[in-house]
Protein backbone atom coordinates (compact mmCIF):
# COMPACT_ATOMS: atom_id res chain seq x y z
CA UNK A 1 30.46 -48.08 66.46
CA UNK A 2 28.18 -45.58 64.78
CA UNK A 3 28.44 -45.49 61.02
CA UNK A 4 29.44 -41.92 60.21
CA UNK A 5 28.77 -42.56 56.54
CA UNK A 6 25.12 -43.45 57.09
CA UNK A 7 23.01 -41.85 54.37
CA UNK A 8 20.42 -39.42 55.70
CA UNK A 9 16.80 -40.21 54.96
CA UNK A 10 15.48 -37.98 52.17
CA UNK A 11 13.12 -35.24 53.25
CA UNK A 12 9.79 -35.14 51.44
CA UNK A 13 8.81 -31.76 50.06
CA UNK A 14 5.08 -31.61 50.77
CA UNK A 15 4.56 -28.95 48.11
CA UNK A 16 6.08 -31.26 45.49
CA UNK A 17 3.22 -33.69 45.98
CA UNK A 18 0.87 -31.14 44.43
CA UNK A 19 3.13 -30.21 41.51
CA UNK A 20 2.31 -32.11 38.30
CA UNK A 21 5.54 -31.12 36.46
CA UNK A 22 7.95 -33.53 38.15
CA UNK A 23 11.15 -33.97 36.19
CA UNK A 24 14.93 -33.99 36.12
CA UNK A 25 16.05 -30.95 34.14
CA UNK A 26 19.73 -31.84 34.54
CA UNK A 27 19.10 -35.17 32.80
CA UNK A 28 17.09 -33.39 30.10
CA UNK A 29 19.97 -30.97 29.44
CA UNK A 30 22.50 -33.81 29.38
CA UNK A 31 20.35 -35.77 26.92
CA UNK A 32 20.03 -32.82 24.56
CA UNK A 33 23.75 -32.04 24.81
CA UNK A 34 24.67 -35.62 23.93
CA UNK A 35 22.39 -35.53 20.86
CA UNK A 36 23.80 -32.18 19.75
CA UNK A 37 27.36 -33.55 19.76
CA UNK A 38 26.53 -37.20 18.96
CA UNK A 39 23.45 -37.23 16.68
CA UNK A 40 23.95 -40.96 16.05
CA UNK A 41 22.75 -41.52 19.65
CA UNK A 42 19.41 -39.80 19.01
CA UNK A 43 17.66 -42.84 17.54
CA UNK A 44 18.28 -45.03 20.60
CA UNK A 45 17.11 -42.25 22.92
CA UNK A 46 14.02 -41.60 20.77
CA UNK A 47 12.89 -45.17 21.45
CA UNK A 48 12.55 -44.17 25.11
CA UNK A 49 11.33 -40.57 25.11
CA UNK A 50 9.34 -38.08 23.05
CA UNK A 51 9.09 -34.29 23.21
CA UNK A 52 6.16 -34.48 25.64
CA UNK A 53 8.43 -36.23 28.19
CA UNK A 54 10.48 -33.05 28.73
CA UNK A 55 9.36 -30.56 31.39
CA UNK A 56 10.62 -27.28 29.90
CA UNK A 57 9.23 -25.82 26.63
CA UNK A 58 12.77 -25.03 25.31
CA UNK A 59 13.73 -28.68 25.84
CA UNK A 60 10.63 -29.95 24.01
CA UNK A 61 11.31 -27.56 21.14
CA UNK A 62 14.98 -28.50 20.80
CA UNK A 63 14.28 -32.25 20.99
CA UNK A 64 11.95 -31.97 17.98
CA UNK A 65 14.28 -29.64 16.08
CA UNK A 66 17.24 -32.00 16.61
CA UNK A 67 15.12 -34.92 15.38
CA UNK A 68 13.98 -32.90 12.36
CA UNK A 69 17.59 -32.06 11.49
CA UNK A 70 18.67 -35.69 11.74
CA UNK A 71 15.73 -36.80 9.60
CA UNK A 72 16.72 -34.27 6.92
CA UNK A 73 20.40 -35.25 7.12
CA UNK A 74 21.23 -31.74 8.32
CA UNK A 75 23.78 -30.79 11.01
CA UNK A 76 22.86 -30.50 14.70
CA UNK A 77 25.45 -27.89 15.59
CA UNK A 78 24.31 -24.93 17.75
CA UNK A 79 24.48 -22.67 14.68
CA UNK A 80 22.21 -24.97 12.64
CA UNK A 81 19.77 -25.46 15.51
CA UNK A 82 19.51 -21.72 16.11
CA UNK A 83 18.71 -21.17 12.42
CA UNK A 84 15.91 -23.77 12.54
CA UNK A 85 14.46 -22.30 15.75
CA UNK A 86 14.54 -18.86 14.14
CA UNK A 87 12.48 -20.23 11.22
CA UNK A 88 9.86 -21.30 13.78
CA UNK A 89 9.85 -17.83 15.32
CA UNK A 90 10.84 -19.27 18.70
CA UNK A 91 14.21 -17.60 19.36
CA UNK A 92 12.84 -15.93 22.49
CA UNK A 93 12.16 -19.40 23.92
CA UNK A 94 15.88 -20.24 23.72
CA UNK A 95 17.19 -16.82 24.84
CA UNK A 96 17.96 -15.76 21.26
CA UNK A 97 20.03 -18.92 20.82
CA UNK A 98 22.24 -18.46 23.88
CA UNK A 99 20.52 -21.39 25.62
CA UNK A 100 21.53 -23.72 22.78
CA UNK A 101 25.21 -22.79 23.27
CA UNK A 102 24.80 -23.28 27.03
CA UNK A 103 23.45 -26.80 26.47
CA UNK A 104 26.21 -27.64 24.00
CA UNK A 105 28.85 -26.63 26.55
CA UNK A 106 27.45 -29.10 29.11
CA UNK A 107 28.38 -32.23 27.17
CA UNK A 108 29.87 -34.84 29.50
CA UNK A 109 30.26 -38.60 29.80
CA UNK A 110 27.64 -41.27 29.40
CA UNK A 111 25.36 -41.80 26.45
CA UNK A 112 22.00 -40.38 25.37
CA UNK A 113 20.01 -43.55 26.17
CA UNK A 114 21.18 -43.45 29.80
CA UNK A 115 19.86 -39.91 30.28
CA UNK A 116 16.74 -40.71 28.24
CA UNK A 117 15.84 -43.47 30.72
CA UNK A 118 15.99 -40.95 33.59
CA UNK A 119 13.75 -38.53 31.66
CA UNK A 120 11.33 -41.36 30.80
CA UNK A 121 10.94 -42.46 34.41
CA UNK A 122 10.25 -38.91 35.59
CA UNK A 123 7.72 -38.49 32.80
CA UNK A 124 5.89 -41.66 33.88
CA UNK A 125 5.62 -40.35 37.44
CA UNK A 126 4.42 -36.99 36.13
CA UNK A 127 1.74 -38.61 33.99
CA UNK A 128 0.46 -40.58 36.98
CA UNK A 129 0.16 -37.33 38.95
CA UNK A 130 -1.54 -35.50 36.09
CA UNK A 131 -3.93 -38.39 35.49
CA UNK A 132 -4.86 -38.46 39.18
CA UNK A 133 -5.54 -34.71 39.09
CA UNK A 134 -7.81 -35.11 36.03
CA UNK A 135 -9.72 -37.96 37.66
CA UNK A 136 -10.19 -35.94 40.86
CA UNK A 137 -11.49 -32.97 38.86
CA UNK A 138 -14.00 -35.17 37.01
CA UNK A 139 -15.23 -36.67 40.27
CA UNK A 140 -15.61 -33.25 41.93
CA UNK A 141 -17.39 -31.71 38.93
CA UNK A 142 -19.52 -34.80 38.20
CA UNK A 143 -18.47 -34.86 34.52
CA UNK A 144 -17.75 -38.61 34.49
CA UNK A 145 -19.62 -41.55 36.02
CA UNK A 146 -18.00 -44.64 37.53
CA UNK A 147 -18.06 -46.55 34.24
CA UNK A 148 -16.23 -43.77 32.41
CA UNK A 149 -13.68 -43.46 35.24
CA UNK A 150 -13.01 -47.21 35.20
CA UNK A 151 -12.53 -47.15 31.42
CA UNK A 152 -10.06 -44.27 31.72
CA UNK A 153 -8.13 -46.04 34.48
CA UNK A 154 -7.97 -49.27 32.45
CA UNK A 155 -6.71 -47.39 29.39
CA UNK A 156 -4.11 -45.54 31.44
CA UNK A 157 -2.84 -48.77 33.00
CA UNK A 158 -2.44 -50.40 29.57
CA UNK A 159 -0.41 -47.44 28.34
CA UNK A 160 1.71 -47.35 31.49
CA UNK A 161 2.44 -51.07 31.17
CA UNK A 162 3.74 -50.78 27.60
CA UNK A 163 7.33 -52.07 27.45
CA UNK A 164 9.91 -49.30 27.31
CA UNK A 165 11.80 -51.12 24.56
CA UNK A 166 8.82 -50.81 22.22
CA UNK A 167 8.69 -47.25 20.84
CA UNK A 168 5.17 -47.86 19.53
CA UNK A 169 3.80 -49.44 22.71
CA UNK A 170 1.95 -46.32 23.85
CA UNK A 171 -0.06 -46.21 20.61
CA UNK A 172 -0.72 -49.89 19.93
CA UNK A 173 -4.00 -50.93 21.58
CA UNK A 174 -5.73 -54.35 21.65
CA UNK A 175 -8.79 -54.45 19.40
CA UNK A 176 -11.27 -55.40 22.10
CA UNK A 177 -10.09 -52.62 24.38
CA UNK A 178 -10.08 -50.02 21.60
CA UNK A 179 -13.63 -50.86 20.52
CA UNK A 180 -15.35 -51.88 23.74
CA UNK A 181 -13.67 -49.96 26.59
CA UNK A 182 -15.19 -46.63 25.68
CA UNK A 183 -17.82 -44.52 27.42
CA UNK A 184 -21.36 -44.85 26.08
CA UNK A 185 -21.57 -41.11 25.37
CA UNK A 186 -19.14 -39.13 23.23
CA UNK A 187 -16.50 -37.42 25.45
CA UNK A 188 -17.23 -33.75 24.91
CA UNK A 189 -14.87 -30.78 24.85
CA UNK A 190 -17.84 -28.49 24.15
CA UNK A 191 -21.22 -30.00 24.95
CA UNK A 192 -22.72 -32.77 27.05
CA UNK A 193 -24.72 -35.95 26.60
CA UNK A 194 -25.97 -36.22 23.03
CA UNK A 195 -25.48 -32.50 22.37
CA UNK A 196 -21.80 -32.34 21.40
CA UNK A 197 -20.36 -29.56 19.24
CA UNK A 198 -16.70 -30.50 19.80
CA UNK A 199 -15.68 -34.06 20.65
CA UNK A 200 -12.47 -35.22 22.28
CA UNK A 201 -9.86 -36.29 19.72
CA UNK A 202 -11.83 -34.87 16.77
CA UNK A 203 -11.38 -31.51 15.07
CA UNK A 204 -14.15 -28.90 15.08
CA UNK A 205 -14.52 -26.60 12.05
CA UNK A 206 -16.62 -23.43 12.29
CA UNK A 207 -17.49 -22.16 8.81
CA UNK A 208 -19.21 -19.07 7.52
CA UNK A 209 -18.82 -15.93 5.40
CA UNK A 210 -16.96 -12.88 6.69
CA UNK A 211 -18.63 -10.88 9.43
CA UNK A 212 -21.05 -13.48 10.83
CA UNK A 213 -19.18 -13.94 14.14
CA UNK A 214 -17.01 -17.02 13.65
CA UNK A 215 -14.11 -15.45 15.51
CA UNK A 216 -16.46 -14.16 18.21
CA UNK A 217 -17.82 -17.64 18.91
CA UNK A 218 -14.51 -19.50 18.83
CA UNK A 219 -12.84 -16.95 21.10
CA UNK A 220 -15.59 -17.39 23.67
CA UNK A 221 -14.98 -21.15 23.58
CA UNK A 222 -11.23 -20.62 24.08
CA UNK A 223 -11.68 -18.16 26.97
CA UNK A 224 -14.03 -20.61 28.66
CA UNK A 225 -11.55 -23.46 28.03
CA UNK A 226 -8.69 -21.62 29.77
CA UNK A 227 -10.84 -20.42 32.67
CA UNK A 228 -11.03 -16.68 31.90
CA UNK A 229 -14.78 -17.03 31.39
CA UNK A 230 -17.03 -19.27 33.43
CA UNK A 231 -20.33 -20.75 32.40
CA UNK A 232 -21.48 -22.36 29.16
CA UNK A 233 -21.14 -21.15 25.57
CA UNK A 234 -24.43 -21.37 23.62
CA UNK A 235 -25.85 -23.23 26.60
CA UNK A 236 -23.21 -25.99 26.50
CA UNK A 237 -20.27 -26.47 28.91
CA UNK A 238 -16.65 -26.26 27.74
CA UNK A 239 -13.95 -28.54 29.17
CA UNK A 240 -10.88 -26.88 30.70
CA UNK A 241 -7.51 -26.86 28.89
CA UNK A 242 -4.04 -26.26 30.30
CA UNK A 243 -2.89 -23.97 27.49
CA UNK A 244 -4.20 -22.84 24.11
CA UNK A 245 -2.21 -21.84 21.03
CA UNK A 246 -4.02 -19.39 18.72
CA UNK A 247 -2.67 -19.14 15.16
CA UNK A 248 -3.95 -15.63 14.32
CA UNK A 249 -3.02 -15.90 10.65
CA UNK A 250 -6.01 -13.99 9.21
CA UNK A 251 -5.87 -10.31 10.29
CA UNK A 252 -4.17 -10.88 13.68
CA UNK A 253 -4.82 -7.34 14.93
CA UNK A 254 -8.53 -7.78 14.29
CA UNK A 255 -8.43 -11.04 16.29
CA UNK A 256 -6.73 -9.16 19.14
CA UNK A 257 -9.38 -6.40 19.10
CA UNK A 258 -12.14 -9.02 19.01
CA UNK A 259 -10.85 -10.83 22.10
CA UNK A 260 -10.08 -7.49 23.77
CA UNK A 261 -13.84 -6.90 24.10
CA UNK A 262 -14.19 -10.06 26.15
CA UNK A 263 -11.45 -9.61 28.77
CA UNK A 264 -10.20 -7.05 31.28
CA UNK A 265 -6.76 -6.07 32.62
CA UNK A 266 -7.48 -8.29 35.62
CA UNK A 267 -7.25 -11.30 33.28
CA UNK A 268 -3.67 -10.56 32.18
CA UNK A 269 -1.94 -13.15 34.40
CA UNK A 270 -4.31 -15.96 33.37
CA UNK A 271 -4.06 -14.98 29.70
CA UNK A 272 -0.25 -14.92 29.84
CA UNK A 273 -0.17 -18.32 31.54
CA UNK A 274 -2.76 -20.21 29.47
CA UNK A 275 -2.97 -18.54 26.05
CA UNK A 276 -0.25 -17.90 23.47
CA UNK A 277 -0.64 -16.31 20.03
CA UNK A 278 1.22 -16.86 16.79
CA UNK A 279 0.50 -13.73 14.69
CA UNK A 280 0.60 -14.22 10.93
CA UNK A 281 0.82 -17.38 8.81
CA UNK A 282 2.66 -20.46 10.18
CA UNK A 283 6.41 -20.56 9.47
CA UNK A 284 5.89 -23.03 6.62
CA UNK A 285 3.01 -24.12 4.41
CA UNK A 286 1.25 -27.31 5.55
CA UNK A 287 1.70 -28.74 2.06
CA UNK A 288 5.49 -28.49 2.35
CA UNK A 289 5.66 -29.36 6.05
CA UNK A 290 2.51 -31.00 7.53
CA UNK A 291 4.38 -31.60 10.80
CA UNK A 292 4.82 -27.87 11.49
CA UNK A 293 1.48 -27.60 13.33
CA UNK A 294 2.43 -30.29 15.84
CA UNK A 295 5.87 -28.77 16.40
CA UNK A 296 4.37 -25.33 17.01
CA UNK A 297 1.92 -26.77 19.56
CA UNK A 298 4.68 -28.65 21.33
CA UNK A 299 6.91 -25.56 21.37
CA UNK A 300 4.06 -23.61 22.98
CA UNK A 301 3.29 -26.42 25.46
CA UNK A 302 -0.33 -26.30 24.27
CA UNK A 303 -3.00 -28.98 24.57
CA UNK A 304 -5.37 -27.07 22.27
CA UNK A 305 -4.88 -25.05 19.08
CA UNK A 306 -7.07 -22.69 17.04
CA UNK A 307 -6.46 -22.29 13.29
CA UNK A 308 -7.70 -18.84 12.24
CA UNK A 309 -8.19 -19.61 9.47
CA UNK A 310 -7.61 -22.69 7.30
CA UNK A 311 -7.07 -20.67 4.11
CA UNK A 312 -3.85 -19.30 5.63
CA UNK A 313 -2.44 -22.73 6.54
CA UNK A 314 -1.97 -24.09 3.01
CA UNK A 315 -1.82 -22.30 -0.29
CA UNK A 316 -4.16 -24.47 -2.37
CA UNK A 317 -7.13 -25.58 -0.26
CA UNK A 318 -9.15 -26.51 -3.33
CA UNK A 319 -6.53 -28.98 -4.52
CA UNK A 320 -6.33 -32.59 -3.39
CA UNK A 321 -2.78 -31.94 -2.18
CA UNK A 322 -3.88 -28.93 -0.10
CA UNK A 323 -6.83 -30.73 1.45
CA UNK A 324 -4.75 -33.78 2.32
CA UNK A 325 -2.02 -31.58 3.82
CA UNK A 326 -4.54 -29.80 6.08
CA UNK A 327 -6.04 -33.12 7.14
CA UNK A 328 -2.62 -34.72 7.74
CA UNK A 329 -1.43 -31.80 9.86
CA UNK A 330 -4.59 -31.88 11.97
CA UNK A 331 -4.59 -35.67 12.42
CA UNK A 332 -0.90 -35.72 13.45
CA UNK A 333 -1.71 -33.10 16.07
CA UNK A 334 -4.86 -34.81 17.35
CA UNK A 335 -3.15 -38.17 17.80
CA UNK A 336 -0.65 -36.53 20.17
CA UNK A 337 -3.49 -35.41 22.45
CA UNK A 338 -3.67 -31.81 21.19
CA UNK A 339 -7.22 -30.74 20.33
CA UNK A 340 -7.91 -28.69 17.18
CA UNK A 341 -10.55 -26.08 16.36
CA UNK A 342 -10.45 -24.20 13.05
CA UNK A 343 -12.24 -21.42 11.19
CA UNK A 344 -13.26 -21.98 7.59
CA UNK A 345 -15.35 -20.39 4.82
CA UNK A 346 -18.20 -21.30 2.51
CA UNK A 347 -17.81 -21.39 -1.24
CA UNK A 348 -18.52 -18.09 -2.96
CA UNK A 349 -22.03 -18.24 -4.38
CA UNK A 350 -22.75 -17.38 -7.98
CA UNK A 351 -25.53 -15.01 -8.99
CA UNK A 352 -27.91 -17.87 -9.85
CA UNK A 353 -31.17 -18.94 -8.26
CA UNK A 354 -29.40 -20.28 -5.14
CA UNK A 355 -27.59 -17.01 -4.48
CA UNK A 356 -28.12 -15.93 -0.87
CA UNK A 357 -29.37 -19.37 0.18
CA UNK A 358 -28.06 -20.76 3.46
CA UNK A 359 -25.64 -23.68 2.91
CA UNK A 360 -27.00 -26.96 4.20
CA UNK A 361 -24.30 -29.49 3.25
CA UNK A 362 -20.56 -30.03 3.54
CA UNK A 363 -20.24 -29.72 -0.25
CA UNK A 364 -20.94 -26.00 0.09
CA UNK A 365 -17.79 -25.37 2.12
CA UNK A 366 -14.71 -24.14 0.29
CA UNK A 367 -11.83 -26.42 -0.57
CA UNK A 368 -11.11 -30.11 -0.94
CA UNK A 369 -13.47 -32.65 0.60
CA UNK A 370 -10.48 -34.00 2.55
CA UNK A 371 -10.77 -30.99 4.87
CA UNK A 372 -14.26 -31.78 6.17
CA UNK A 373 -13.72 -35.54 5.86
CA UNK A 374 -11.09 -35.34 8.60
CA UNK A 375 -13.21 -33.20 10.94
CA UNK A 376 -15.41 -34.69 13.64
CA UNK A 377 -17.81 -31.77 13.78
CA UNK A 378 -18.65 -28.95 11.35
CA UNK A 379 -20.77 -25.92 12.27
CA UNK A 380 -22.08 -23.37 9.77
CA UNK A 381 -22.91 -19.76 10.65
CA UNK A 382 -24.95 -17.87 8.09
CA UNK A 383 -26.25 -14.33 7.81
CA UNK A 384 -25.40 -10.81 6.70
CA UNK A 385 -22.06 -9.37 7.79
CA UNK A 386 -22.36 -7.45 11.05
CA UNK A 387 -25.94 -8.55 11.79
CA UNK A 388 -26.57 -9.39 15.47
CA UNK A 389 -28.78 -12.43 14.70
CA UNK A 390 -27.43 -15.23 12.47
CA UNK A 391 -28.31 -18.86 11.76
CA UNK A 392 -26.37 -21.80 13.16
CA UNK A 393 -26.56 -25.21 11.54
CA UNK A 394 -24.71 -28.39 12.57
CA UNK A 395 -23.56 -29.86 9.23
CA UNK A 396 -21.57 -32.77 10.69
CA UNK A 397 -22.15 -34.24 14.14
CA UNK A 398 -20.05 -36.48 16.40
CA UNK A 399 -23.24 -37.36 18.32
CA UNK A 400 -26.73 -35.84 18.09
CA UNK A 401 -27.52 -32.79 15.98
CA UNK A 402 -27.44 -29.39 17.69
CA UNK A 403 -29.94 -26.92 16.28
CA UNK A 404 -30.66 -25.63 13.71
CA UNK A 405 -31.13 -22.39 15.62
CA UNK A 406 -30.63 -18.65 15.64
CA UNK A 407 -27.90 -17.07 17.75
CA UNK A 408 -27.59 -13.47 18.86
CA UNK A 409 -24.25 -11.61 19.06
CA UNK A 410 -23.83 -8.82 21.58
CA UNK A 411 -21.11 -7.13 19.54
CA UNK A 412 -19.96 -4.47 22.06
CA UNK A 413 -19.00 -7.09 24.68
CA UNK A 414 -18.36 -10.08 22.39
CA UNK A 415 -20.95 -12.45 23.84
CA UNK A 416 -23.20 -14.86 21.92
CA UNK A 417 -26.35 -16.57 23.15
CA UNK A 418 -29.09 -18.75 21.76
CA UNK A 419 -31.87 -16.55 20.42
CA UNK A 420 -34.36 -19.04 19.00
CA UNK A 421 -34.41 -22.83 18.93
CA UNK A 422 -37.29 -25.20 18.25
CA UNK A 423 -38.61 -26.60 21.55
CA UNK A 424 -39.55 -30.14 20.50
CA UNK A 425 -41.31 -31.00 23.77
CA UNK A 426 -43.43 -27.83 23.57
CA UNK A 427 -44.25 -28.69 19.96
CA UNK A 428 -45.29 -32.22 20.99
CA UNK A 429 -47.64 -30.78 23.59
CA UNK A 430 -49.07 -28.20 21.17
CA UNK A 431 -49.94 -30.89 18.61
CA UNK A 432 -52.37 -32.46 21.09
CA UNK A 433 -54.24 -35.59 20.06
CA UNK A 434 -53.09 -35.43 16.44
CA UNK A 435 -49.49 -36.04 17.46
CA UNK A 436 -46.30 -34.82 15.83
CA UNK A 437 -44.93 -36.60 12.76
CA UNK A 438 -41.26 -36.51 11.76
CA UNK A 439 -42.21 -34.63 8.57
CA UNK A 440 -44.03 -31.95 10.58
CA UNK A 441 -41.07 -31.58 12.93
CA UNK A 442 -38.71 -31.32 9.95
CA UNK A 443 -40.75 -28.40 8.60
CA UNK A 444 -40.13 -26.57 11.88
CA UNK A 445 -36.47 -27.54 12.21
CA UNK A 446 -35.50 -26.88 8.58
CA UNK A 447 -37.94 -24.22 7.28
CA UNK A 448 -37.76 -23.63 3.53
CA UNK A 449 -40.69 -21.81 1.92
CA UNK A 450 -39.61 -22.97 -1.54
CA UNK A 451 -39.56 -26.73 -0.95
CA UNK A 452 -40.60 -29.57 1.33
CA UNK A 453 -38.20 -31.17 3.83
CA UNK A 454 -35.79 -33.63 2.26
CA UNK A 455 -35.78 -37.32 3.13
CA UNK A 456 -32.58 -36.76 5.10
CA UNK A 457 -34.13 -33.91 7.12
CA UNK A 458 -37.19 -36.02 7.92
CA UNK A 459 -34.98 -38.88 9.06
CA UNK A 460 -32.98 -36.56 11.32
CA UNK A 461 -36.24 -35.30 12.82
CA UNK A 462 -37.33 -38.92 13.39
CA UNK A 463 -34.07 -39.69 15.21
CA UNK A 464 -34.59 -36.70 17.45
CA UNK A 465 -38.11 -37.85 18.33
CA UNK A 466 -36.86 -41.40 18.93
CA UNK A 467 -34.29 -39.98 21.36
CA UNK A 468 -37.11 -38.41 23.39
CA UNK A 469 -38.85 -41.80 23.42
CA UNK A 470 -35.69 -43.45 24.76
CA UNK A 471 -35.52 -40.79 27.49
CA UNK A 472 -39.12 -41.48 28.49
CA UNK A 473 -40.28 -38.01 27.44
CA UNK A 474 -42.37 -39.10 24.44
CA UNK A 475 -44.29 -42.10 23.11
CA UNK A 476 -44.90 -43.27 19.55
CA UNK A 477 -48.14 -44.84 18.39
CA UNK A 478 -50.29 -45.13 15.29
CA UNK A 479 -52.81 -42.38 14.62
CA UNK A 480 -55.62 -44.79 13.65
CA UNK A 481 -56.82 -48.41 13.81
CA UNK A 482 -55.70 -49.23 10.26
CA UNK A 483 -52.51 -51.19 9.81
CA UNK A 484 -51.36 -48.58 7.28
CA UNK A 485 -52.17 -45.62 9.55
CA UNK A 486 -49.10 -43.38 9.99
CA UNK A 487 -47.28 -43.20 13.31
CA UNK A 488 -46.93 -40.03 15.32
CA UNK A 489 -45.26 -38.96 18.54
CA UNK A 490 -46.96 -37.68 21.69
CA UNK A 491 -45.70 -36.28 24.99
CA UNK A 492 -45.23 -39.05 27.54
CA UNK A 493 -47.30 -37.15 30.12
CA UNK A 494 -50.01 -34.57 29.65
CA UNK A 495 -51.02 -31.90 32.15
CA UNK A 496 -52.98 -34.48 34.18
CA UNK A 497 -49.95 -36.77 34.36
CA UNK A 498 -51.54 -39.53 32.25
CA UNK A 499 -49.11 -41.36 29.96
CA UNK A 500 -49.80 -40.81 26.29
CA UNK A 501 -53.39 -39.61 26.66
CA UNK A 502 -55.12 -36.22 26.40
């Protein structure tokens, strides 16, 4: 006899196979509802899931707000949660608080850990899908070789295999894997090969006085990152992001006008989908609440954030407390996979002999040394306010040094391009049989009519020449038969194609 209770075979939704945001929103709502009414269950659920495991931005926001309330010993009632969300300026995300009451009314049986396990499993499937999409994109664009792909797969498998009962399993990494299973080149968010201005997992700071185009440059990077612009910025490619949060804390309307030059009405849909602004200072000072930056990013669903500018994030940047708060906020955000780029300023120069001199060291940036110590890359722009041509100097590098060079701003359209940069290979060729010494190259890279190149500048020039030797583009040999004769560098091939000869 036919079994009338036979369960029908599930139908596969082909479109779902291409959707990265797989989840169970009913389980997410039930989990949040349980924690609203039974905050003592939050800790057990938090061992299984984090905010990133939720699919909807309101759910991610409320999960963090509930956890923050419990940590502070504050109530988790709908009234209290609405007040905290209002402090974050995110009431619109929860329908002016109505969504919180809706969740609270859905409380049913079961416990938070049960629903958390459902959310965790869906999140694992989603991460597999998203990881596969990233790998496919890297293969199609040629941005990663087989070795890099294998290292990424191995790292992903270790994370996926972490026991669910260990809340720290996704962060704890064996020493050998952490040190050795890394690509040979620095993974670049902005740059390629040895020329990296912004490295993955490391903050980039762009410093300079007012009016030299810091906002212009960083906005071009952001628009390229979200796909509104195509092509490189300053000759270097920019990796794509899913969504960017822009903290327009310093003159937000000016930031809007600046970016308005660079886009058109046709870009509205992409801008709405991949870019979100927070006008004005953050809801709380980083010194008082260093976790606010991470919570804002998670509420926005962003994987990248721009801080415009650091002076508006904490009240006392020059103090040790202020510098440490900025660094802590940035590092907490980076470790959760959210990339950080920030705008900063130089120290105000006195009227002494160095007045008007281009800064050449991190010590000449404003604020505590903790700020630059926590950054992976620091770029300095220098020039007169409003001038189309300004200097760019790479003060701190995650890989090789970029520049120094001059860049040219096209102010009406908000575009910046390289205007002048020393062509080392052309200089090698021009030096002919006498060769090019590191000191001579340093004079060209770091011109200063008042003094000779420093030992550090000469050493940086030597490293750049050595890099050309490693690439087979130059050779190094002594300039004479004497044992004490200095060494110089020559082009690997001359016009006749003969290695190292004229």
